[in-house]
């Protein structure tokens, strides 16, 4: 993979309130979706405990709407775990949501 390629990423919010894991942000490329089975394996919990947060829950829990959910500046960040797709390390630059619709920030993954 050429390291000069940029990738756009998205963040998905997962509500795992029925376990001791709590709230999780999953950061992955925009062309991927959260796989409950893989996420449950990574977190060590049954996939039945994983629920995607609603639009309203995203704003309440994280301070962002789903379409602008940024991995930075999260509301209640002390109580949130972040799971990042390992493939993102293959890029020199990543374009991440900036917290508002149509606002983005370019960052280096390493």
PDB file of N, CA and C in Angstrom:
ATOM      1  N   UNK A   1       0.851  -1.173   0.000  1.00  0.00           N
ATOM      2  CA  UNK A   1       0.000   0.000   0.000  1.00  0.00           C
ATOM      3  C   UNK A   1       0.895   1.234   0.000  1.00  0.00           C
ATOM      4  N   UNK A   2       0.604   2.147  -0.870  1.00  0.00           N
ATOM      5  CA  UNK A   2       1.373   3.381  -0.927  1.00  0.00           C
ATOM      6  C   UNK A   2       1.065   4.250   0.280  1.00  0.00           C
ATOM      7  N   UNK A   3       2.095   4.706   0.947  1.00  0.00           N
ATOM      8  CA  UNK A   3       1.878   5.514   2.143  1.00  0.00           C
ATOM      9  C   UNK A   3       1.541   6.962   1.815  1.00  0.00           C
ATOM     10  N   UNK A   4       1.510   7.302   0.530  1.00  0.00           N
ATOM     11  CA  UNK A   4       1.183   8.674   0.165  1.00  0.00           C
ATOM     12  C   UNK A   4      -0.322   8.868  -0.010  1.00  0.00           C
ATOM     13  N   UNK A   5      -1.089   7.823   0.188  1.00  0.00           N
ATOM     14  CA  UNK A   5      -2.534   7.889   0.012  1.00  0.00           C
ATOM     15  C   UNK A   5      -3.185   8.401   1.286  1.00  0.00           C
ATOM     16  N   UNK A   6      -4.197   9.241   1.112  1.00  0.00           N
ATOM     17  CA  UNK A   6      -4.995   9.685   2.253  1.00  0.00           C
ATOM     18  C   UNK A   6      -6.244   8.835   2.333  1.00  0.00           C
ATOM     19  N   UNK A   7      -6.754   8.665   3.507  1.00  0.00           N
ATOM     20  CA  UNK A   7      -7.988   7.920   3.702  1.00  0.00           C
ATOM     21  C   UNK A   7      -8.952   8.766   4.511  1.00  0.00           C
ATOM     22  N   UNK A   8     -10.222   8.744   4.130  1.00  0.00           N
ATOM     23  CA  UNK A   8     -11.244   9.381   4.945  1.00  0.00           C
ATOM     24  C   UNK A   8     -11.720   8.365   5.956  1.00  0.00           C
ATOM     25  N   UNK A   9     -11.931   8.815   7.178  1.00  0.00           N
ATOM     26  CA  UNK A   9     -12.406   7.887   8.190  1.00  0.00           C
ATOM     27  C   UNK A   9     -13.718   8.375   8.776  1.00  0.00           C
ATOM     28  N   UNK A  10     -14.411   7.462   9.376  1.00  0.00           N
ATOM     29  CA  UNK A  10     -15.640   7.783  10.075  1.00  0.00           C
ATOM     30  C   UNK A  10     -15.568   7.176  11.461  1.00  0.00           C
ATOM     31  N   UNK A  11     -16.339   7.702  12.352  1.00  0.00           N
ATOM     32  CA  UNK A  11     -16.417   7.153  13.698  1.00  0.00           C
ATOM     33  C   UNK A  11     -17.840   6.676  13.917  1.00  0.00           C
ATOM     34  N   UNK A  12     -17.982   5.475  14.418  1.00  0.00           N
ATOM     35  CA  UNK A  12     -19.291   4.947  14.764  1.00  0.00           C
ATOM     36  C   UNK A  12     -19.373   4.821  16.264  1.00  0.00           C
ATOM     37  N   UNK A  13     -20.539   5.085  16.795  1.00  0.00           N
ATOM     38  CA  UNK A  13     -20.704   4.981  18.236  1.00  0.00           C
ATOM     39  C   UNK A  13     -21.442   3.700  18.580  1.00  0.00           C
ATOM     40  N   UNK A  14     -20.986   3.065  19.609  1.00  0.00           N
ATOM     41  CA  UNK A  14     -21.564   1.805  20.049  1.00  0.00           C
ATOM     42  C   UNK A  14     -21.923   1.935  21.516  1.00  0.00           C
ATOM     43  N   UNK A  15     -23.133   1.550  21.860  1.00  0.00           N
ATOM     44  CA  UNK A  15     -23.585   1.593  23.245  1.00  0.00           C
ATOM     45  C   UNK A  15     -23.530   0.185  23.810  1.00  0.00           C
ATOM     46  N   UNK A  16     -22.658  -0.027  24.763  1.00  0.00           N
ATOM     47  CA  UNK A  16     -22.501  -1.352  25.360  1.00  0.00           C
ATOM     48  C   UNK A  16     -22.863  -1.233  26.840  1.00  0.00           C
ATOM     49  N   UNK A  17     -24.030  -0.643  27.085  1.00  0.00           N
ATOM     50  CA  UNK A  17     -24.418  -0.332  28.451  1.00  0.00           C
ATOM     51  C   UNK A  17     -24.733  -1.564  29.291  1.00  0.00           C
ATOM     52  N   UNK A  18     -25.033  -2.683  28.653  1.00  0.00           N
ATOM     53  CA  UNK A  18     -25.373  -3.869  29.435  1.00  0.00           C
ATOM     54  C   UNK A  18     -24.139  -4.669  29.831  1.00  0.00           C
ATOM     55  N   UNK A  19     -22.954  -4.137  29.543  1.00  0.00           N
ATOM     56  CA  UNK A  19     -21.720  -4.805  29.964  1.00  0.00           C
ATOM     57  C   UNK A  19     -20.899  -3.817  30.776  1.00  0.00           C
ATOM     58  N   UNK A  20     -19.766  -4.252  31.273  1.00  0.00           N
ATOM     59  CA  UNK A  20     -18.907  -3.339  32.031  1.00  0.00           C
ATOM     60  C   UNK A  20     -17.973  -2.554  31.115  1.00  0.00           C
ATOM     61  N   UNK A  21     -18.124  -2.711  29.806  1.00  0.00           N
ATOM     62  CA  UNK A  21     -17.281  -2.005  28.835  1.00  0.00           C
ATOM     63  C   UNK A  21     -17.690  -0.538  28.741  1.00  0.00           C
ATOM     64  N   UNK A  22     -18.974  -0.243  28.700  1.00  0.00           N
ATOM     65  CA  UNK A  22     -19.454   1.132  28.616  1.00  0.00           C
ATOM     66  C   UNK A  22     -19.608   1.609  27.181  1.00  0.00           C
ATOM     67  N   UNK A  23     -19.247   2.864  26.946  1.00  0.00           N
ATOM     68  CA  UNK A  23     -19.407   3.484  25.621  1.00  0.00           C
ATOM     69  C   UNK A  23     -18.123   3.333  24.822  1.00  0.00           C
ATOM     70  N   UNK A  24     -18.288   3.059  23.522  1.00  0.00           N
ATOM     71  CA  UNK A  24     -17.134   2.818  22.653  1.00  0.00           C
ATOM     72  C   UNK A  24     -17.310   3.613  21.364  1.00  0.00           C
ATOM     73  N   UNK A  25     -16.232   4.227  20.911  1.00  0.00           N
ATOM     74  CA  UNK A  25     -16.186   4.857  19.590  1.00  0.00           C
ATOM     75  C   UNK A  25     -15.330   3.948  18.722  1.00  0.00           C
ATOM     76  N   UNK A  26     -15.847   3.601  17.549  1.00  0.00           N
ATOM     77  CA  UNK A  26     -15.096   2.772  16.611  1.00  0.00           C
ATOM     78  C   UNK A  26     -14.682   3.668  15.445  1.00  0.00           C
ATOM     79  N   UNK A  27     -13.376   3.758  15.200  1.00  0.00           N
ATOM     80  CA  UNK A  27     -12.844   4.600  14.127  1.00  0.00           C
ATOM     81  C   UNK A  27     -12.404   3.683  13.002  1.00  0.00           C
ATOM     82  N   UNK A  28     -12.998   3.877  11.817  1.00  0.00           N
ATOM     83  CA  UNK A  28     -12.704   3.006  10.693  1.00  0.00           C
ATOM     84  C   UNK A  28     -12.856   3.765   9.380  1.00  0.00           C
ATOM     85  N   UNK A  29     -12.294   3.220   8.292  1.00  0.00           N
ATOM     86  CA  UNK A  29     -12.434   3.882   6.988  1.00  0.00           C
ATOM     87  C   UNK A  29     -13.908   4.010   6.597  1.00  0.00           C
ATOM     88  N   UNK A  30     -14.222   5.034   5.825  1.00  0.00           N
ATOM     89  CA  UNK A  30     -15.618   5.282   5.440  1.00  0.00           C
ATOM     90  C   UNK A  30     -16.211   4.158   4.618  1.00  0.00           C
ATOM     91  N   UNK A  31     -15.386   3.339   3.989  1.00  0.00           N
ATOM     92  CA  UNK A  31     -15.923   2.242   3.179  1.00  0.00           C
ATOM     93  C   UNK A  31     -16.138   0.967   3.995  1.00  0.00           C
ATOM     94  N   UNK A  32     -15.983   1.049   5.298  1.00  0.00           N
ATOM     95  CA  UNK A  32     -16.194  -0.117   6.178  1.00  0.00           C
ATOM     96  C   UNK A  32     -17.307   0.165   7.177  1.00  0.00           C
ATOM     97  N   UNK A  33     -17.890  -0.921   7.659  1.00  0.00           N
ATOM     98  CA  UNK A  33     -18.934  -0.834   8.684  1.00  0.00           C
ATOM     99  C   UNK A  33     -18.483  -1.626   9.907  1.00  0.00           C
ATOM    100  N   UNK A  34     -19.039  -1.309  11.039  1.00  0.00           N
ATOM    101  CA  UNK A  34     -18.716  -2.034  12.264  1.00  0.00           C
ATOM    102  C   UNK A  34     -19.220  -3.472  12.141  1.00  0.00           C
ATOM    103  N   UNK A  35     -18.324  -4.409  12.377  1.00  0.00           N
ATOM    104  CA  UNK A  35     -18.683  -5.829  12.399  1.00  0.00           C
ATOM    105  C   UNK A  35     -18.860  -6.209  13.866  1.00  0.00           C
ATOM    106  N   UNK A  36     -20.090  -6.475  14.257  1.00  0.00           N
ATOM    107  CA  UNK A  36     -20.379  -6.781  15.658  1.00  0.00           C
ATOM    108  C   UNK A  36     -19.593  -7.988  16.159  1.00  0.00           C
ATOM    109  N   UNK A  37     -19.439  -8.992  15.309  1.00  0.00           N
ATOM    110  CA  UNK A  37     -18.723 -10.200  15.724  1.00  0.00           C
ATOM    111  C   UNK A  37     -17.256  -9.880  16.028  1.00  0.00           C
ATOM    112  N   UNK A  38     -16.606  -9.138  15.128  1.00  0.00           N
ATOM    113  CA  UNK A  38     -15.193  -8.786  15.352  1.00  0.00           C
ATOM    114  C   UNK A  38     -15.030  -7.858  16.550  1.00  0.00           C
ATOM    115  N   UNK A  39     -15.952  -6.900  16.674  1.00  0.00           N
ATOM    116  CA  UNK A  39     -15.871  -5.971  17.797  1.00  0.00           C
ATOM    117  C   UNK A  39     -16.091  -6.706  19.116  1.00  0.00           C
ATOM    118  N   UNK A  40     -17.035  -7.623  19.137  1.00  0.00           N
ATOM    119  CA  UNK A  40     -17.288  -8.366  20.379  1.00  0.00           C
ATOM    120  C   UNK A  40     -16.084  -9.216  20.752  1.00  0.00           C
ATOM    121  N   UNK A  41     -15.412  -9.785  19.754  1.00  0.00           N
ATOM    122  CA  UNK A  41     -14.199 -10.559  20.015  1.00  0.00           C
ATOM    123  C   UNK A  41     -13.107  -9.656  20.574  1.00  0.00           C
ATOM    124  N   UNK A  42     -12.934  -8.490  19.961  1.00  0.00           N
ATOM    125  CA  UNK A  42     -11.893  -7.552  20.419  1.00  0.00           C
ATOM    126  C   UNK A  42     -12.150  -7.070  21.846  1.00  0.00           C
ATOM    127  N   UNK A  43     -13.418  -6.882  22.191  1.00  0.00           N
ATOM    128  CA  UNK A  43     -13.761  -6.371  23.511  1.00  0.00           C
ATOM    129  C   UNK A  43     -13.979  -7.480  24.543  1.00  0.00           C
ATOM    130  N   UNK A  44     -14.083  -8.720  24.060  1.00  0.00           N
ATOM    131  CA  UNK A  44     -14.275  -9.846  24.973  1.00  0.00           C
ATOM    132  C   UNK A  44     -15.667  -9.932  25.570  1.00  0.00           C
ATOM    133  N   UNK A  45     -16.670  -9.530  24.785  1.00  0.00           N
ATOM    134  CA  UNK A  45     -18.057  -9.600  25.244  1.00  0.00           C
ATOM    135  C   UNK A  45     -18.917 -10.248  24.158  1.00  0.00           C
ATOM    136  N   UNK A  46     -20.103 -10.758  24.498  1.00  0.00           N
ATOM    137  CA  UNK A  46     -20.991 -11.321  23.484  1.00  0.00           C
ATOM    138  C   UNK A  46     -21.492 -10.241  22.524  1.00  0.00           C
ATOM    139  N   UNK A  47     -21.642 -10.574  21.258  1.00  0.00           N
ATOM    140  CA  UNK A  47     -22.111  -9.602  20.265  1.00  0.00           C
ATOM    141  C   UNK A  47     -23.526  -9.119  20.571  1.00  0.00           C
ATOM    142  N   UNK A  48     -24.291  -9.894  21.326  1.00  0.00           N
ATOM    143  CA  UNK A  48     -25.656  -9.483  21.680  1.00  0.00           C
ATOM    144  C   UNK A  48     -25.659  -8.251  22.587  1.00  0.00           C
ATOM    145  N   UNK A  49     -24.535  -7.934  23.205  1.00  0.00           N
ATOM    146  CA  UNK A  49     -24.444  -6.759  24.076  1.00  0.00           C
ATOM    147  C   UNK A  49     -24.062  -5.489  23.329  1.00  0.00           C
ATOM    148  N   UNK A  50     -23.806  -5.601  22.037  1.00  0.00           N
ATOM    149  CA  UNK A  50     -23.388  -4.444  21.245  1.00  0.00           C
ATOM    150  C   UNK A  50     -24.600  -3.850  20.545  1.00  0.00           C
ATOM    151  N   UNK A  51     -24.828  -2.545  20.790  1.00  0.00           N
ATOM    152  CA  UNK A  51     -25.914  -1.826  20.143  1.00  0.00           C
ATOM    153  C   UNK A  51     -25.369  -0.519  19.591  1.00  0.00           C
ATOM    154  N   UNK A  52     -25.758  -0.192  18.373  1.00  0.00           N
ATOM    155  CA  UNK A  52     -25.358   1.084  17.806  1.00  0.00           C
ATOM    156  C   UNK A  52     -26.175   2.190  18.466  1.00  0.00           C
ATOM    157  N   UNK A  53     -25.535   3.284  18.808  1.00  0.00           N
ATOM    158  CA  UNK A  53     -26.226   4.409  19.431  1.00  0.00           C
ATOM    159  C   UNK A  53     -27.071   5.134  18.385  1.00  0.00           C
ATOM    160  N   UNK A  54     -28.211   5.642  18.796  1.00  0.00           N
ATOM    161  CA  UNK A  54     -29.079   6.414  17.906  1.00  0.00           C
ATOM    162  C   UNK A  54     -28.492   7.812  17.702  1.00  0.00           C
ATOM    163  N   UNK A  55     -29.095   8.564  16.802  1.00  0.00           N
ATOM    164  CA  UNK A  55     -28.682   9.940  16.534  1.00  0.00           C
ATOM    165  C   UNK A  55     -28.696  10.754  17.832  1.00  0.00           C
ATOM    166  N   UNK A  56     -29.790  10.670  18.562  1.00  0.00           N
ATOM    167  CA  UNK A  56     -29.947  11.418  19.803  1.00  0.00           C
ATOM    168  C   UNK A  56     -28.935  10.961  20.858  1.00  0.00           C
ATOM    169  N   UNK A  57     -28.708   9.659  20.947  1.00  0.00           N
ATOM    170  CA  UNK A  57     -27.742   9.143  21.908  1.00  0.00           C
ATOM    171  C   UNK A  57     -26.335   9.639  21.601  1.00  0.00           C
ATOM    172  N   UNK A  58     -25.971   9.698  20.306  1.00  0.00           N
ATOM    173  CA  UNK A  58     -24.644  10.198  19.918  1.00  0.00           C
ATOM    174  C   UNK A  58     -24.434  11.615  20.428  1.00  0.00           C
ATOM    175  N   UNK A  59     -25.416  12.470  20.223  1.00  0.00           N
ATOM    176  CA  UNK A  59     -25.299  13.852  20.664  1.00  0.00           C
ATOM    177  C   UNK A  59     -25.218  13.914  22.185  1.00  0.00           C
ATOM    178  N   UNK A  60     -26.072  13.163  22.862  1.00  0.00           N
ATOM    179  CA  UNK A  60     -26.096  13.177  24.323  1.00  0.00           C
ATOM    180  C   UNK A  60     -24.818  12.596  24.923  1.00  0.00           C
ATOM    181  N   UNK A  61     -24.369  11.460  24.396  1.00  0.00           N
ATOM    182  CA  UNK A  61     -23.223  10.756  24.971  1.00  0.00           C
ATOM    183  C   UNK A  61     -21.880  11.350  24.581  1.00  0.00           C
ATOM    184  N   UNK A  62     -21.760  11.782  23.315  1.00  0.00           N
ATOM    185  CA  UNK A  62     -20.458  12.170  22.789  1.00  0.00           C
ATOM    186  C   UNK A  62     -20.334  13.647  22.416  1.00  0.00           C
ATOM    187  N   UNK A  63     -21.473  14.327  22.295  1.00  0.00           N
ATOM    188  CA  UNK A  63     -21.443  15.733  21.930  1.00  0.00           C
ATOM    189  C   UNK A  63     -21.448  15.982  20.432  1.00  0.00           C
ATOM    190  N   UNK A  64     -21.600  14.940  19.635  1.00  0.00           N
ATOM    191  CA  UNK A  64     -21.593  15.059  18.169  1.00  0.00           C
ATOM    192  C   UNK A  64     -22.725  14.248  17.561  1.00  0.00           C
ATOM    193  N   UNK A  65     -23.241  14.724  16.420  1.00  0.00           N
ATOM    194  CA  UNK A  65     -24.180  13.932  15.630  1.00  0.00           C
ATOM    195  C   UNK A  65     -23.393  12.832  14.926  1.00  0.00           C
ATOM    196  N   UNK A  66     -24.036  11.726  14.564  1.00  0.00           N
ATOM    197  CA  UNK A  66     -23.315  10.612  13.925  1.00  0.00           C
ATOM    198  C   UNK A  66     -22.515  11.010  12.688  1.00  0.00           C
ATOM    199  N   UNK A  67     -23.024  11.912  11.875  1.00  0.00           N
ATOM    200  CA  UNK A  67     -22.321  12.285  10.643  1.00  0.00           C
ATOM    201  C   UNK A  67     -21.128  13.188  10.888  1.00  0.00           C
ATOM    202  N   UNK A  68     -20.986  13.718  12.091  1.00  0.00           N
ATOM    203  CA  UNK A  68     -19.842  14.580  12.394  1.00  0.00           C
ATOM    204  C   UNK A  68     -19.087  14.092  13.630  1.00  0.00           C
ATOM    205  N   UNK A  69     -19.303  12.845  14.005  1.00  0.00           N
ATOM    206  CA  UNK A  69     -18.678  12.272  15.197  1.00  0.00           C
ATOM    207  C   UNK A  69     -17.170  12.193  15.005  1.00  0.00           C
ATOM    208  N   UNK A  70     -16.464  12.988  15.773  1.00  0.00           N
ATOM    209  CA  UNK A  70     -15.015  13.079  15.668  1.00  0.00           C
ATOM    210  C   UNK A  70     -14.356  12.242  16.758  1.00  0.00           C
ATOM    211  N   UNK A  71     -13.185  11.683  16.480  1.00  0.00           N
ATOM    212  CA  UNK A  71     -12.470  10.970  17.542  1.00  0.00           C
ATOM    213  C   UNK A  71     -11.775  11.927  18.513  1.00  0.00           C
ATOM    214  N   UNK A  72     -11.914  13.243  18.295  1.00  0.00           N
ATOM    215  CA  UNK A  72     -11.294  14.260  19.141  1.00  0.00           C
ATOM    216  C   UNK A  72     -12.355  15.097  19.843  1.00  0.00           C
ATOM    217  N   UNK A  73     -12.026  15.611  21.000  1.00  0.00           N
ATOM    218  CA  UNK A  73     -12.905  16.544  21.704  1.00  0.00           C
ATOM    219  C   UNK A  73     -14.226  15.946  22.138  1.00  0.00           C
ATOM    220  N   UNK A  74     -14.232  14.676  22.464  1.00  0.00           N
ATOM    221  CA  UNK A  74     -15.465  14.009  22.841  1.00  0.00           C
ATOM    222  C   UNK A  74     -15.951  14.453  24.216  1.00  0.00           C
ATOM    223  N   UNK A  75     -17.247  14.651  24.315  1.00  0.00           N
ATOM    224  CA  UNK A  75     -17.883  14.915  25.597  1.00  0.00           C
ATOM    225  C   UNK A  75     -17.745  13.647  26.442  1.00  0.00           C
ATOM    226  N   UNK A  76     -17.434  13.772  27.694  1.00  0.00           N
ATOM    227  CA  UNK A  76     -17.286  12.614  28.599  1.00  0.00           C
ATOM    228  C   UNK A  76     -16.188  11.654  28.150  1.00  0.00           C
ATOM    229  N   UNK A  77     -15.099  12.182  27.568  1.00  0.00           N
ATOM    230  CA  UNK A  77     -14.069  11.327  26.998  1.00  0.00           C
ATOM    231  C   UNK A  77     -13.447  10.370  28.022  1.00  0.00           C
ATOM    232  N   UNK A  78     -13.489  10.726  29.286  1.00  0.00           N
ATOM    233  CA  UNK A  78     -12.878   9.870  30.312  1.00  0.00           C
ATOM    234  C   UNK A  78     -13.576   8.520  30.421  1.00  0.00           C
ATOM    235  N   UNK A  79     -14.836   8.457  29.999  1.00  0.00           N
ATOM    236  CA  UNK A  79     -15.623   7.225  30.141  1.00  0.00           C
ATOM    237  C   UNK A  79     -15.802   6.486  28.826  1.00  0.00           C
ATOM    238  N   UNK A  80     -15.103   6.926  27.795  1.00  0.00           N
ATOM    239  CA  UNK A  80     -15.284   6.349  26.459  1.00  0.00           C
ATOM    240  C   UNK A  80     -14.036   5.588  26.038  1.00  0.00           C
ATOM    241  N   UNK A  81     -14.245   4.386  25.515  1.00  0.00           N
ATOM    242  CA  UNK A  81     -13.143   3.630  24.924  1.00  0.00           C
ATOM    243  C   UNK A  81     -13.166   3.854  23.412  1.00  0.00           C
ATOM    244  N   UNK A  82     -11.996   3.807  22.798  1.00  0.00           N
ATOM    245  CA  UNK A  82     -11.911   3.976  21.356  1.00  0.00           C
ATOM    246  C   UNK A  82     -11.246   2.752  20.752  1.00  0.00           C
ATOM    247  N   UNK A  83     -11.881   2.203  19.709  1.00  0.00           N
ATOM    248  CA  UNK A  83     -11.327   1.084  18.960  1.00  0.00           C
ATOM    249  C   UNK A  83     -11.018   1.621  17.563  1.00  0.00           C
ATOM    250  N   UNK A  84      -9.765   1.481  17.135  1.00  0.00           N
ATOM    251  CA  UNK A  84      -9.322   2.040  15.854  1.00  0.00           C
ATOM    252  C   UNK A  84      -8.931   0.912  14.910  1.00  0.00           C
ATOM    253  N   UNK A  85      -9.442   0.966  13.689  1.00  0.00           N
ATOM    254  CA  UNK A  85      -9.094  -0.022  12.663  1.00  0.00           C
ATOM    255  C   UNK A  85      -7.586   0.033  12.421  1.00  0.00           C
ATOM    256  N   UNK A  86      -6.920  -1.084  12.592  1.00  0.00           N
ATOM    257  CA  UNK A  86      -5.456  -1.142  12.473  1.00  0.00           C
ATOM    258  C   UNK A  86      -4.966  -0.772  11.070  1.00  0.00           C
ATOM    259  N   UNK A  87      -5.800  -0.964  10.063  1.00  0.00           N
ATOM    260  CA  UNK A  87      -5.422  -0.637   8.691  1.00  0.00           C
ATOM    261  C   UNK A  87      -5.186   0.848   8.464  1.00  0.00           C
ATOM    262  N   UNK A  88      -5.680   1.692   9.353  1.00  0.00           N
ATOM    263  CA  UNK A  88      -5.487   3.135   9.195  1.00  0.00           C
ATOM    264  C   UNK A  88      -4.032   3.550   9.355  1.00  0.00           C
ATOM    265  N   UNK A  89      -3.231   2.706   9.993  1.00  0.00           N
ATOM    266  CA  UNK A  89      -1.814   3.032  10.163  1.00  0.00           C
ATOM    267  C   UNK A  89      -1.037   2.971   8.853  1.00  0.00           C
ATOM    268  N   UNK A  90      -1.642   2.422   7.806  1.00  0.00           N
ATOM    269  CA  UNK A  90      -0.972   2.298   6.513  1.00  0.00           C
ATOM    270  C   UNK A  90      -0.997   3.589   5.691  1.00  0.00           C
ATOM    271  N   UNK A  91      -1.624   4.630   6.211  1.00  0.00           N
ATOM    272  CA  UNK A  91      -1.746   5.885   5.485  1.00  0.00           C
ATOM    273  C   UNK A  91      -0.924   6.983   6.153  1.00  0.00           C
ATOM    274  N   UNK A  92      -0.370   7.868   5.334  1.00  0.00           N
ATOM    275  CA  UNK A  92       0.365   9.019   5.876  1.00  0.00           C
ATOM    276  C   UNK A  92      -0.582  10.045   6.476  1.00  0.00           C
ATOM    277  N   UNK A  93      -1.704  10.251   5.839  1.00  0.00           N
ATOM    278  CA  UNK A  93      -2.673  11.258   6.272  1.00  0.00           C
ATOM    279  C   UNK A  93      -4.066  10.651   6.330  1.00  0.00           C
ATOM    280  N   UNK A  94      -4.833  11.094   7.323  1.00  0.00           N
ATOM    281  CA  UNK A  94      -6.226  10.696   7.463  1.00  0.00           C
ATOM    282  C   UNK A  94      -7.083  11.946   7.527  1.00  0.00           C
ATOM    283  N   UNK A  95      -8.242  11.903   6.926  1.00  0.00           N
ATOM    284  CA  UNK A  95      -9.194  12.997   6.988  1.00  0.00           C
ATOM    285  C   UNK A  95     -10.303  12.557   7.939  1.00  0.00           C
ATOM    286  N   UNK A  96     -10.429  13.263   9.058  1.00  0.00           N
ATOM    287  CA  UNK A  96     -11.392  12.867  10.092  1.00  0.00           C
ATOM    288  C   UNK A  96     -12.454  13.945  10.267  1.00  0.00           C
ATOM    289  N   UNK A  97     -13.646  13.555  10.728  1.00  0.00           N
ATOM    290  CA  UNK A  97     -14.680  14.562  10.990  1.00  0.00           C
ATOM    291  C   UNK A  97     -14.182  15.580  12.004  1.00  0.00           C
ATOM    292  N   UNK A  98     -14.567  16.834  11.794  1.00  0.00           N
ATOM    293  CA  UNK A  98     -14.105  17.906  12.657  1.00  0.00           C
ATOM    294  C   UNK A  98     -15.108  18.354  13.697  1.00  0.00           C
ATOM    295  N   UNK A  99     -16.209  17.624  13.860  1.00  0.00           N
ATOM    296  CA  UNK A  99     -17.176  17.960  14.888  1.00  0.00           C
ATOM    297  C   UNK A  99     -18.399  18.705  14.388  1.00  0.00           C
ATOM    298  N   UNK A 100     -18.375  19.154  13.150  1.00  0.00           N
ATOM    299  CA  UNK A 100     -19.525  19.806  12.534  1.00  0.00           C
ATOM    300  C   UNK A 100     -19.703  19.223  11.147  1.00  0.00           C
ATOM    301  N   UNK A 101     -20.918  19.267  10.640  1.00  0.00           N
ATOM    302  CA  UNK A 101     -21.186  18.758   9.291  1.00  0.00           C
ATOM    303  C   UNK A 101     -20.323  19.523   8.297  1.00  0.00           C
ATOM    304  N   UNK A 102     -19.707  18.807   7.364  1.00  0.00           N
ATOM    305  CA  UNK A 102     -18.832  19.362   6.325  1.00  0.00           C
ATOM    306  C   UNK A 102     -17.577  20.036   6.873  1.00  0.00           C
ATOM    307  N   UNK A 103     -17.130  19.637   8.050  1.00  0.00           N
ATOM    308  CA  UNK A 103     -15.886  20.137   8.629  1.00  0.00           C
ATOM    309  C   UNK A 103     -14.973  18.947   8.882  1.00  0.00           C
ATOM    310  N   UNK A 104     -13.746  19.019   8.375  1.00  0.00           N
ATOM    311  CA  UNK A 104     -12.817  17.899   8.479  1.00  0.00           C
ATOM    312  C   UNK A 104     -11.440  18.381   8.916  1.00  0.00           C
ATOM    313  N   UNK A 105     -10.666  17.458   9.461  1.00  0.00           N
ATOM    314  CA  UNK A 105      -9.310  17.741   9.900  1.00  0.00           C
ATOM    315  C   UNK A 105      -8.399  16.672   9.315  1.00  0.00           C
ATOM    316  N   UNK A 106      -7.244  17.080   8.782  1.00  0.00           N
ATOM    317  CA  UNK A 106      -6.281  16.115   8.268  1.00  0.00           C
ATOM    318  C   UNK A 106      -5.236  15.842   9.350  1.00  0.00           C
ATOM    319  N   UNK A 107      -5.018  14.557   9.645  1.00  0.00           N
ATOM    320  CA  UNK A 107      -4.076  14.167  10.687  1.00  0.00           C
ATOM    321  C   UNK A 107      -3.188  13.029  10.195  1.00  0.00           C
ATOM    322  N   UNK A 108      -2.090  12.825  10.884  1.00  0.00           N
ATOM    323  CA  UNK A 108      -1.219  11.696  10.620  1.00  0.00           C
ATOM    324  C   UNK A 108      -1.573  10.598  11.618  1.00  0.00           C
ATOM    325  N   UNK A 109      -1.699   9.342  11.162  1.00  0.00           N
ATOM    326  CA  UNK A 109      -2.099   8.265  12.077  1.00  0.00           C
ATOM    327  C   UNK A 109      -1.011   7.840  13.054  1.00  0.00           C
ATOM    328  N   UNK A 110       0.235   8.218  12.821  1.00  0.00           N
ATOM    329  CA  UNK A 110       1.299   7.787  13.718  1.00  0.00           C
ATOM    330  C   UNK A 110       1.917   8.947  14.440  1.00  0.00           C
TER     331      UNK A 110
END
